[in-house]
Every structure is written in structure tokens, then in C-alpha cells.
Amino acid sequence: MGRIADIGYAPAIAGSVPRRAVFFQGCSLRCRWCNRRERAFDGQGSSYEELGIDEVMRRLEGLKKSETDDEVLLSGGEALDQPEFLIDLLDACSARGIRTVVETTLCAPFSVAVEVARRATRILVNLRLMDSARHLRLTGCSNTLILGNMQLLSSIGAPISLRFQLIPGANDLPGDLEAAADFAALLPRPATIEIMPYTYSAVCASAVVIQRSQFSASSDEGMQRAASIFKSYGLEVSFVGQA
């Protein structure tokens, strides 16, 4: 059984196609900027169902599939926090010819990450913050495991796509963007990265909890500066989440 927060459609953002999605409940990270608190954290405002693979697939296949919807998003929370259920779900999707993209921080044992990578059509990895001490302070977890998983998966040819969410005051301090760009450029996989702005609108599903972030929204100027830095390291840059 898996803890599932929602099965429906991923929120439409500019630069992405509508897609069916399964959102897992729970996350081992405690990111201070999190805008999915009702899915990431247990407690007031969070809700989920315990579902088996057959029921998840039944609900997925009951959703209307658009012409541009060629893959199912598996996200969270953090899907890799429920590795056995995630792997079984990936196998079930594969058996039905359904392409899958797993959105993850890769904060999981490498053995789990590689089994997921073997099954998923694509792994969408969120590259956020290179400074280990600040990463620990802002997320409750060191980034050593996360960055190591990115390097190892990339070295074995796993289907990784990188996304960098620009969070003012968290990962745009002096040297932050250059460090992230240098890390991404040195990965063996194709040197491409999506840049996504940060916006905070975290209202829990039950409308019980409304929390404000200590971080401000990304500006157009900040996004363009980030893109310029990533491009200067030879990376191909695209934007998601901007009109």
C-alpha cells in the first residue's frame, strides 16, 4: 500500500504540457521554502489515502488523456521515500505502455535511486543549493547524498533532466548560481537545465493551515541573471513556470 495525497492533473504552468499525476504523501526533507507542505509534512492540514497499485492504476486510467499528455508525473512530497510502492507503480505503468517521469530531490539511498532510474522514462531532479552547511540548515538534510546520486546516476547514463528553482535568499547568494552551473556542466549527461521561478501559495488542502514563506518570489531580472550564468557554463537553458 502507498500513501497517496492526490491522483489528478499536475498544475498547469507555462512551458509544460498538461499531464496526469500521482502525488505521494510525505517527504524526509523539511525545506523552509516548501510550497507543498500539505503533501510533504504530516500533521494539521495534510491528508492522504492508503491505496494499492491496482486502485492507483484504475484512477489513473480513468483520467482523460490529452493529445499532448504522453507521460505520467510521479511526484510528491517525495516519491522515493516510498521506494517499494514507487517501483511497483513504475512496473505497472511500464506493463501498460505508460511513460513516466519521476520528480525527485534524490535524497535517497543510491540503490533506490538506481532501481527507479532503471524503470522511469525520465528522472526530473531538482538541483537547488550547493552550499552543504546552508542546505542542512534550510532543509534539515545535507546535500552530500543528493549531489552524489546525481553524479552516479548521470555516470551510468540514467535519463536525468535537471531543474533549478530560483529561490531568492536561499540559492542566489554570491557564488551560488556559479557553483550550481559548474556542477551541472560537469555531469556526463547532456548539459541542459530548466529554470523555474519560486512562488509561494501554500494553502493546505483542508484550508486549515496557511503559511507564509520567509523567501520572496523570483523576479524576471533574477531569472534572466540565472539564465545568463548557466549559459556562460555551456548549459542549454529553458524556462518553466513563466508566462
C-alpha atoms as a PDB file:
ATOM      1  CA  MET A   1       0.000   0.000   0.000  1.00  0.00           C
ATOM      2  CA  GLY A   2       1.137   3.528  -0.727  1.00  0.00           C
ATOM      3  CA  ARG A   3       0.368   6.840   0.961  1.00  0.00           C
ATOM      4  CA  ILE A   4      -1.106   8.919  -1.855  1.00  0.00           C
ATOM      5  CA  ALA A   5      -2.017  12.588  -1.442  1.00  0.00           C
ATOM      6  CA  ASP A   6      -3.725  13.016  -4.805  1.00  0.00           C
ATOM      7  CA  ILE A   7      -4.256  11.495  -8.241  1.00  0.00           C
ATOM      8  CA  GLY A   8      -5.242  14.005 -10.889  1.00  0.00           C
ATOM      9  CA  TYR A   9      -3.581  16.527 -13.141  1.00  0.00           C
ATOM     10  CA  ALA A  10      -0.351  18.365 -12.449  1.00  0.00           C
ATOM     11  CA  PRO A  11      -0.929  22.124 -12.068  1.00  0.00           C
ATOM     12  CA  ALA A  12      -0.577  23.760 -15.463  1.00  0.00           C
ATOM     13  CA  ILE A  13       2.459  26.013 -15.729  1.00  0.00           C
ATOM     14  CA  ALA A  14       3.773  27.883 -18.727  1.00  0.00           C
ATOM     15  CA  GLY A  15       6.306  25.866 -20.654  1.00  0.00           C
ATOM     16  CA  SER A  16       4.888  22.460 -19.743  1.00  0.00           C
ATOM     17  CA  VAL A  17       2.141  20.262 -21.138  1.00  0.00           C
ATOM     18  CA  PRO A  18      -0.837  19.119 -19.023  1.00  0.00           C
ATOM     19  CA  ARG A  19      -0.212  15.668 -17.636  1.00  0.00           C
ATOM     20  CA  ARG A  20      -1.742  13.114 -15.336  1.00  0.00           C
ATOM     21  CA  ALA A  21      -0.034  12.872 -11.985  1.00  0.00           C
ATOM     22  CA  VAL A  22       0.258  10.812  -8.824  1.00  0.00           C
ATOM     23  CA  PHE A  23       1.344  12.799  -5.766  1.00  0.00           C
ATOM     24  CA  PHE A  24       2.934  10.788  -2.958  1.00  0.00           C
ATOM     25  CA  GLN A  25       2.442  11.895   0.645  1.00  0.00           C
ATOM     26  CA  GLY A  26       5.446  12.630   2.843  1.00  0.00           C
ATOM     27  CA  CYS A  27       8.995  13.902   2.446  1.00  0.00           C
ATOM     28  CA  SER A  28      12.125  13.431   4.533  1.00  0.00           C
ATOM     29  CA  LEU A  29      13.304  16.968   3.775  1.00  0.00           C
ATOM     30  CA  ARG A  30      11.974  19.990   5.638  1.00  0.00           C
ATOM     31  CA  CYS A  31      12.678  22.754   3.134  1.00  0.00           C
ATOM     32  CA  ARG A  32      11.837  26.151   4.573  1.00  0.00           C
ATOM     33  CA  TRP A  33      10.643  27.316   1.168  1.00  0.00           C
ATOM     34  CA  CYS A  34       8.353  24.307   0.584  1.00  0.00           C
ATOM     35  CA  ASN A  35       5.132  25.176  -1.221  1.00  0.00           C
ATOM     36  CA  ARG A  36       3.710  21.660  -0.969  1.00  0.00           C
ATOM     37  CA  ARG A  37       3.543  21.429   2.808  1.00  0.00           C
ATOM     38  CA  GLU A  38       0.224  19.604   2.847  1.00  0.00           C
ATOM     39  CA  ARG A  39       1.842  16.843   0.782  1.00  0.00           C
ATOM     40  CA  ALA A  40       5.302  16.920   2.296  1.00  0.00           C
ATOM     41  CA  PHE A  41       4.621  17.155   6.019  1.00  0.00           C
ATOM     42  CA  ASP A  42       2.346  15.126   8.253  1.00  0.00           C
ATOM     43  CA  GLY A  43       0.124  16.993  10.654  1.00  0.00           C
ATOM     44  CA  GLN A  44      -2.666  19.520  10.549  1.00  0.00           C
ATOM     45  CA  GLY A  45      -3.851  20.165   7.019  1.00  0.00           C
ATOM     46  CA  SER A  46      -2.269  17.082   5.451  1.00  0.00           C
ATOM     47  CA  SER A  47      -4.398  14.271   4.072  1.00  0.00           C
ATOM     48  CA  TYR A  48      -3.818  11.112   2.086  1.00  0.00           C
ATOM     49  CA  GLU A  49      -5.258   7.732   1.207  1.00  0.00           C
ATOM     50  CA  GLU A  50      -3.584   4.353   1.537  1.00  0.00           C
ATOM     51  CA  LEU A  51      -4.021   2.755  -1.875  1.00  0.00           C
ATOM     52  CA  GLY A  52      -2.847  -0.366  -3.639  1.00  0.00           C
ATOM     53  CA  ILE A  53      -1.277  -0.442  -7.100  1.00  0.00           C
ATOM     54  CA  ASP A  54      -4.466  -1.674  -8.796  1.00  0.00           C
ATOM     55  CA  GLU A  55      -6.531   1.198  -7.370  1.00  0.00           C
ATOM     56  CA  VAL A  56      -3.924   3.804  -8.339  1.00  0.00           C
ATOM     57  CA  MET A  57      -3.839   2.440 -11.893  1.00  0.00           C
ATOM     58  CA  ARG A  58      -7.627   2.338 -12.068  1.00  0.00           C
ATOM     59  CA  ARG A  59      -7.868   6.006 -11.111  1.00  0.00           C
ATOM     60  CA  LEU A  60      -5.041   6.996 -13.450  1.00  0.00           C
ATOM     61  CA  GLU A  61      -6.602   5.223 -16.401  1.00  0.00           C
ATOM     62  CA  GLY A  62      -9.928   6.857 -15.556  1.00  0.00           C
ATOM     63  CA  LEU A  63      -8.465  10.313 -16.165  1.00  0.00           C
ATOM     64  CA  LYS A  64      -8.959  11.856 -19.574  1.00  0.00           C
ATOM     65  CA  LYS A  65      -5.708  11.818 -21.527  1.00  0.00           C
ATOM     66  CA  SER A  66      -4.980  14.832 -23.726  1.00  0.00           C
ATOM     67  CA  GLU A  67      -3.189  14.549 -27.061  1.00  0.00           C
ATOM     68  CA  THR A  68      -0.096  16.179 -25.559  1.00  0.00           C
ATOM     69  CA  ASP A  69      -0.110  14.042 -22.404  1.00  0.00           C
ATOM     70  CA  ASP A  70       2.453  11.359 -23.198  1.00  0.00           C
ATOM     71  CA  GLU A  71       3.722  10.633 -19.690  1.00  0.00           C
ATOM     72  CA  VAL A  72       2.511  10.365 -16.103  1.00  0.00           C
ATOM     73  CA  LEU A  73       4.190  12.506 -13.437  1.00  0.00           C
ATOM     74  CA  LEU A  74       5.062  10.782 -10.150  1.00  0.00           C
ATOM     75  CA  SER A  75       5.800  13.463  -7.584  1.00  0.00           C
ATOM     76  CA  GLY A  76       5.103  14.438  -4.001  1.00  0.00           C
ATOM     77  CA  GLY A  77       6.134  15.083  -1.352  1.00  0.00           C
ATOM     78  CA  GLU A  78       8.981  12.791  -2.246  1.00  0.00           C
ATOM     79  CA  ALA A  79       8.117   9.632  -4.176  1.00  0.00           C
ATOM     80  CA  LEU A  80      11.460   7.968  -3.363  1.00  0.00           C
ATOM     81  CA  ASP A  81      10.502   7.957   0.327  1.00  0.00           C
ATOM     82  CA  GLN A  82       8.161   5.061  -0.565  1.00  0.00           C
ATOM     83  CA  PRO A  83      10.574   3.044  -2.721  1.00  0.00           C
ATOM     84  CA  GLU A  84       8.829  -0.330  -2.877  1.00  0.00           C
ATOM     85  CA  PHE A  85       5.481   1.170  -3.827  1.00  0.00           C
ATOM     86  CA  LEU A  86       7.086   3.548  -6.335  1.00  0.00           C
ATOM     87  CA  ILE A  87       8.972   0.718  -8.047  1.00  0.00           C
ATOM     88  CA  ASP A  88       5.814  -1.411  -8.218  1.00  0.00           C
ATOM     89  CA  LEU A  89       3.909   1.541  -9.693  1.00  0.00           C
ATOM     90  CA  LEU A  90       6.616   2.145 -12.290  1.00  0.00           C
ATOM     91  CA  ASP A  91       6.457  -1.538 -13.261  1.00  0.00           C
ATOM     92  CA  ALA A  92       2.669  -1.352 -13.544  1.00  0.00           C
ATOM     93  CA  CYS A  93       2.875   1.725 -15.777  1.00  0.00           C
ATOM     94  CA  SER A  94       5.545   0.106 -17.948  1.00  0.00           C
ATOM     95  CA  ALA A  95       3.427  -3.023 -18.385  1.00  0.00           C
ATOM     96  CA  ARG A  96       0.640  -0.821 -19.766  1.00  0.00           C
ATOM     97  CA  GLY A  97       2.934   1.167 -22.043  1.00  0.00           C
ATOM     98  CA  ILE A  98       2.656   4.326 -19.940  1.00  0.00           C
ATOM     99  CA  ARG A  99       5.688   6.597 -19.929  1.00  0.00           C
ATOM    100  CA  THR A 100       6.688   8.007 -16.530  1.00  0.00           C
ATOM    101  CA  VAL A 101       8.616  10.969 -15.186  1.00  0.00           C
ATOM    102  CA  VAL A 102       9.649  10.895 -11.515  1.00  0.00           C
ATOM    103  CA  GLU A 103      10.182  14.310  -9.898  1.00  0.00           C
ATOM    104  CA  THR A 104      12.625  13.956  -7.001  1.00  0.00           C
ATOM    105  CA  THR A 105      15.323  15.561  -4.872  1.00  0.00           C
ATOM    106  CA  LEU A 106      17.257  12.239  -4.983  1.00  0.00           C
ATOM    107  CA  CYS A 107      17.561  12.316  -1.195  1.00  0.00           C
ATOM    108  CA  ALA A 108      17.503   8.510  -1.033  1.00  0.00           C
ATOM    109  CA  PRO A 109      19.947   5.590  -0.971  1.00  0.00           C
ATOM    110  CA  PHE A 110      21.701   5.097  -4.313  1.00  0.00           C
ATOM    111  CA  SER A 111      20.330   1.548  -4.511  1.00  0.00           C
ATOM    112  CA  VAL A 112      16.811   3.023  -4.524  1.00  0.00           C
ATOM    113  CA  ALA A 113      17.682   5.778  -6.996  1.00  0.00           C
ATOM    114  CA  VAL A 114      19.191   3.352  -9.497  1.00  0.00           C
ATOM    115  CA  GLU A 115      16.220   0.967  -9.362  1.00  0.00           C
ATOM    116  CA  VAL A 116      13.875   3.874 -10.028  1.00  0.00           C
ATOM    117  CA  ALA A 117      16.107   5.151 -12.839  1.00  0.00           C
ATOM    118  CA  ARG A 118      16.055   1.731 -14.497  1.00  0.00           C
ATOM    119  CA  ARG A 119      12.273   1.881 -14.736  1.00  0.00           C
ATOM    120  CA  ALA A 120      11.317   5.525 -15.241  1.00  0.00           C
ATOM    121  CA  THR A 121      11.247   7.107 -18.664  1.00  0.00           C
ATOM    122  CA  ARG A 122      12.788  10.218 -17.151  1.00  0.00           C
ATOM    123  CA  ILE A 123      14.048  11.444 -13.766  1.00  0.00           C
ATOM    124  CA  LEU A 124      13.393  15.145 -13.128  1.00  0.00           C
ATOM    125  CA  VAL A 125      15.944  16.141 -10.495  1.00  0.00           C
ATOM    126  CA  ASN A 126      15.670  19.357  -8.526  1.00  0.00           C
ATOM    127  CA  LEU A 127      19.126  20.931  -8.171  1.00  0.00           C
ATOM    128  CA  ARG A 128      18.715  23.605  -5.529  1.00  0.00           C
ATOM    129  CA  LEU A 129      21.641  24.540  -3.314  1.00  0.00           C
ATOM    130  CA  MET A 130      25.352  23.659  -3.462  1.00  0.00           C
ATOM    131  CA  ASP A 131      26.469  25.012  -0.068  1.00  0.00           C
ATOM    132  CA  SER A 132      26.262  21.940   2.189  1.00  0.00           C
ATOM    133  CA  ALA A 133      26.026  23.766   5.527  1.00  0.00           C
ATOM    134  CA  ARG A 134      23.280  26.092   4.280  1.00  0.00           C
ATOM    135  CA  HIS A 135      21.475  23.170   2.640  1.00  0.00           C
ATOM    136  CA  LEU A 136      21.455  21.384   6.012  1.00  0.00           C
ATOM    137  CA  ARG A 137      20.174  24.482   7.789  1.00  0.00           C
ATOM    138  CA  LEU A 138      17.403  25.206   5.272  1.00  0.00           C
ATOM    139  CA  THR A 139      16.248  21.648   4.541  1.00  0.00           C
ATOM    140  CA  GLY A 140      17.274  19.578   7.554  1.00  0.00           C
ATOM    141  CA  CYS A 141      19.478  17.384   5.364  1.00  0.00           C
ATOM    142  CA  SER A 142      22.984  17.569   3.922  1.00  0.00           C
ATOM    143  CA  ASN A 143      23.219  17.714   0.141  1.00  0.00           C
ATOM    144  CA  THR A 144      26.102  15.201   0.021  1.00  0.00           C
ATOM    145  CA  LEU A 145      23.829  12.243  -0.753  1.00  0.00           C
ATOM    146  CA  ILE A 146      21.751  14.240  -3.229  1.00  0.00           C
ATOM    147  CA  LEU A 147      24.706  15.500  -5.266  1.00  0.00           C
ATOM    148  CA  GLY A 148      26.410  12.122  -5.129  1.00  0.00           C
ATOM    149  CA  ASN A 149      23.285  10.446  -6.524  1.00  0.00           C
ATOM    150  CA  MET A 150      23.134  12.966  -9.367  1.00  0.00           C
ATOM    151  CA  GLN A 151      26.750  12.251 -10.298  1.00  0.00           C
ATOM    152  CA  LEU A 152      26.398   8.469 -10.051  1.00  0.00           C
ATOM    153  CA  LEU A 153      23.133   8.276 -11.991  1.00  0.00           C
ATOM    154  CA  SER A 154      24.498  10.569 -14.659  1.00  0.00           C
ATOM    155  CA  SER A 155      27.661   8.460 -14.940  1.00  0.00           C
ATOM    156  CA  ILE A 156      25.651   5.303 -15.723  1.00  0.00           C
ATOM    157  CA  GLY A 157      23.562   7.073 -18.360  1.00  0.00           C
ATOM    158  CA  ALA A 158      20.328   7.379 -16.367  1.00  0.00           C
ATOM    159  CA  PRO A 159      17.653   9.540 -18.063  1.00  0.00           C
ATOM    160  CA  ILE A 160      18.159  12.625 -15.891  1.00  0.00           C
ATOM    161  CA  SER A 161      16.689  16.065 -16.523  1.00  0.00           C
ATOM    162  CA  LEU A 162      17.789  18.943 -14.280  1.00  0.00           C
ATOM    163  CA  ARG A 163      15.598  21.695 -12.896  1.00  0.00           C
ATOM    164  CA  PHE A 164      16.795  24.682 -10.870  1.00  0.00           C
ATOM    165  CA  GLN A 165      14.170  26.610  -8.914  1.00  0.00           C
ATOM    166  CA  LEU A 166      15.445  30.111  -8.208  1.00  0.00           C
ATOM    167  CA  ILE A 167      14.650  30.921  -4.563  1.00  0.00           C
ATOM    168  CA  PRO A 168      15.737  34.460  -3.626  1.00  0.00           C
ATOM    169  CA  GLY A 169      17.642  34.493  -0.349  1.00  0.00           C
ATOM    170  CA  ALA A 170      18.191  30.723  -0.418  1.00  0.00           C
ATOM    171  CA  ASN A 171      20.158  29.822  -3.550  1.00  0.00           C
ATOM    172  CA  ASP A 172      21.006  33.114  -5.242  1.00  0.00           C
ATOM    173  CA  LEU A 173      23.621  34.448  -2.815  1.00  0.00           C
ATOM    174  CA  PRO A 174      27.072  35.376  -4.178  1.00  0.00           C
ATOM    175  CA  GLY A 175      28.624  32.336  -5.810  1.00  0.00           C
ATOM    176  CA  ASP A 176      25.503  30.125  -5.531  1.00  0.00           C
ATOM    177  CA  LEU A 177      24.490  30.225  -9.195  1.00  0.00           C
ATOM    178  CA  GLU A 178      28.054  29.790 -10.419  1.00  0.00           C
ATOM    179  CA  ALA A 179      28.534  26.737  -8.167  1.00  0.00           C
ATOM    180  CA  ALA A 180      25.280  25.143  -9.378  1.00  0.00           C
ATOM    181  CA  ALA A 181      26.124  25.858 -13.009  1.00  0.00           C
ATOM    182  CA  ASP A 182      29.622  24.410 -12.633  1.00  0.00           C
ATOM    183  CA  PHE A 183      28.227  21.227 -11.046  1.00  0.00           C
ATOM    184  CA  ALA A 184      25.590  20.795 -13.751  1.00  0.00           C
ATOM    185  CA  ALA A 185      28.056  21.442 -16.562  1.00  0.00           C
ATOM    186  CA  LEU A 186      30.394  18.704 -15.320  1.00  0.00           C
ATOM    187  CA  LEU A 187      27.724  15.984 -15.311  1.00  0.00           C
ATOM    188  CA  PRO A 188      28.163  13.428 -18.134  1.00  0.00           C
ATOM    189  CA  ARG A 189      24.539  13.694 -19.272  1.00  0.00           C
ATOM    190  CA  PRO A 190      23.532  16.304 -21.890  1.00  0.00           C
ATOM    191  CA  ALA A 191      24.133  19.778 -20.498  1.00  0.00           C
ATOM    192  CA  THR A 192      20.586  21.143 -20.261  1.00  0.00           C
ATOM    193  CA  ILE A 193      18.698  22.661 -17.363  1.00  0.00           C
ATOM    194  CA  GLU A 194      15.212  24.102 -16.741  1.00  0.00           C
ATOM    195  CA  ILE A 195      14.981  27.228 -14.610  1.00  0.00           C
ATOM    196  CA  MET A 196      11.797  27.699 -12.624  1.00  0.00           C
ATOM    197  CA  PRO A 197      10.724  30.724 -10.567  1.00  0.00           C
ATOM    198  CA  TYR A 198       9.767  30.474  -6.915  1.00  0.00           C
ATOM    199  CA  THR A 199       6.260  31.487  -5.912  1.00  0.00           C
ATOM    200  CA  TYR A 200       4.686  30.729  -2.569  1.00  0.00           C
ATOM    201  CA  SER A 201       0.987  29.930  -2.317  1.00  0.00           C
ATOM    202  CA  ALA A 202       0.951  27.078   0.174  1.00  0.00           C
ATOM    203  CA  VAL A 203      -2.601  26.626   1.334  1.00  0.00           C
ATOM    204  CA  CYS A 204      -3.231  23.150   2.701  1.00  0.00           C
ATOM    205  CA  ALA A 205      -5.944  21.108   1.033  1.00  0.00           C
ATOM    206  CA  SER A 206      -8.218  21.353   4.066  1.00  0.00           C
ATOM    207  CA  ALA A 207      -7.850  25.150   4.128  1.00  0.00           C
ATOM    208  CA  VAL A 208      -6.852  24.780   7.796  1.00  0.00           C
ATOM    209  CA  VAL A 209      -3.230  25.843   7.506  1.00  0.00           C
ATOM    210  CA  ILE A 210      -1.976  28.886   5.666  1.00  0.00           C
ATOM    211  CA  GLN A 211       1.742  29.564   5.969  1.00  0.00           C
ATOM    212  CA  ARG A 212       3.888  32.341   4.634  1.00  0.00           C
ATOM    213  CA  SER A 213       7.375  31.815   3.317  1.00  0.00           C
ATOM    214  CA  GLN A 214      10.376  33.766   4.530  1.00  0.00           C
ATOM    215  CA  PHE A 215      11.528  33.881   0.903  1.00  0.00           C
ATOM    216  CA  SER A 216      10.281  36.281  -1.751  1.00  0.00           C
ATOM    217  CA  ALA A 217       9.137  35.358  -5.231  1.00  0.00           C
ATOM    218  CA  SER A 218      11.634  35.250  -8.075  1.00  0.00           C
ATOM    219  CA  SER A 219      11.864  38.369 -10.220  1.00  0.00           C
ATOM    220  CA  ASP A 220      12.182  38.435 -14.003  1.00  0.00           C
ATOM    221  CA  GLU A 221      15.548  40.155 -13.553  1.00  0.00           C
ATOM    222  CA  GLY A 222      16.732  37.384 -11.250  1.00  0.00           C
ATOM    223  CA  MET A 223      15.580  34.698 -13.674  1.00  0.00           C
ATOM    224  CA  GLN A 224      17.415  36.311 -16.558  1.00  0.00           C
ATOM    225  CA  ARG A 225      20.571  36.685 -14.462  1.00  0.00           C
ATOM    226  CA  ALA A 226      20.416  32.988 -13.534  1.00  0.00           C
ATOM    227  CA  ALA A 227      19.934  32.021 -17.170  1.00  0.00           C
ATOM    228  CA  SER A 228      22.907  34.129 -18.222  1.00  0.00           C
ATOM    229  CA  ILE A 229      25.161  32.461 -15.649  1.00  0.00           C
ATOM    230  CA  PHE A 230      24.069  28.930 -16.568  1.00  0.00           C
ATOM    231  CA  LYS A 231      24.552  29.670 -20.264  1.00  0.00           C
ATOM    232  CA  SER A 232      28.057  31.007 -19.594  1.00  0.00           C
ATOM    233  CA  TYR A 233      28.961  27.489 -18.382  1.00  0.00           C
ATOM    234  CA  GLY A 234      27.833  25.994 -21.678  1.00  0.00           C
ATOM    235  CA  LEU A 235      24.422  24.815 -20.467  1.00  0.00           C
ATOM    236  CA  GLU A 236      21.330  24.873 -22.635  1.00  0.00           C
ATOM    237  CA  VAL A 237      18.674  26.759 -20.644  1.00  0.00           C
ATOM    238  CA  SER A 238      14.892  26.701 -20.825  1.00  0.00           C
ATOM    239  CA  PHE A 239      12.248  28.273 -18.570  1.00  0.00           C
ATOM    240  CA  VAL A 240       9.217  26.667 -16.972  1.00  0.00           C
ATOM    241  CA  GLY A 241       6.573  28.396 -14.933  1.00  0.00           C
ATOM    242  CA  GLN A 242       6.818  31.736 -16.708  1.00  0.00           C
ATOM    243  CA  ALA A 243       4.188  33.261 -18.933  1.00  0.00           C
END
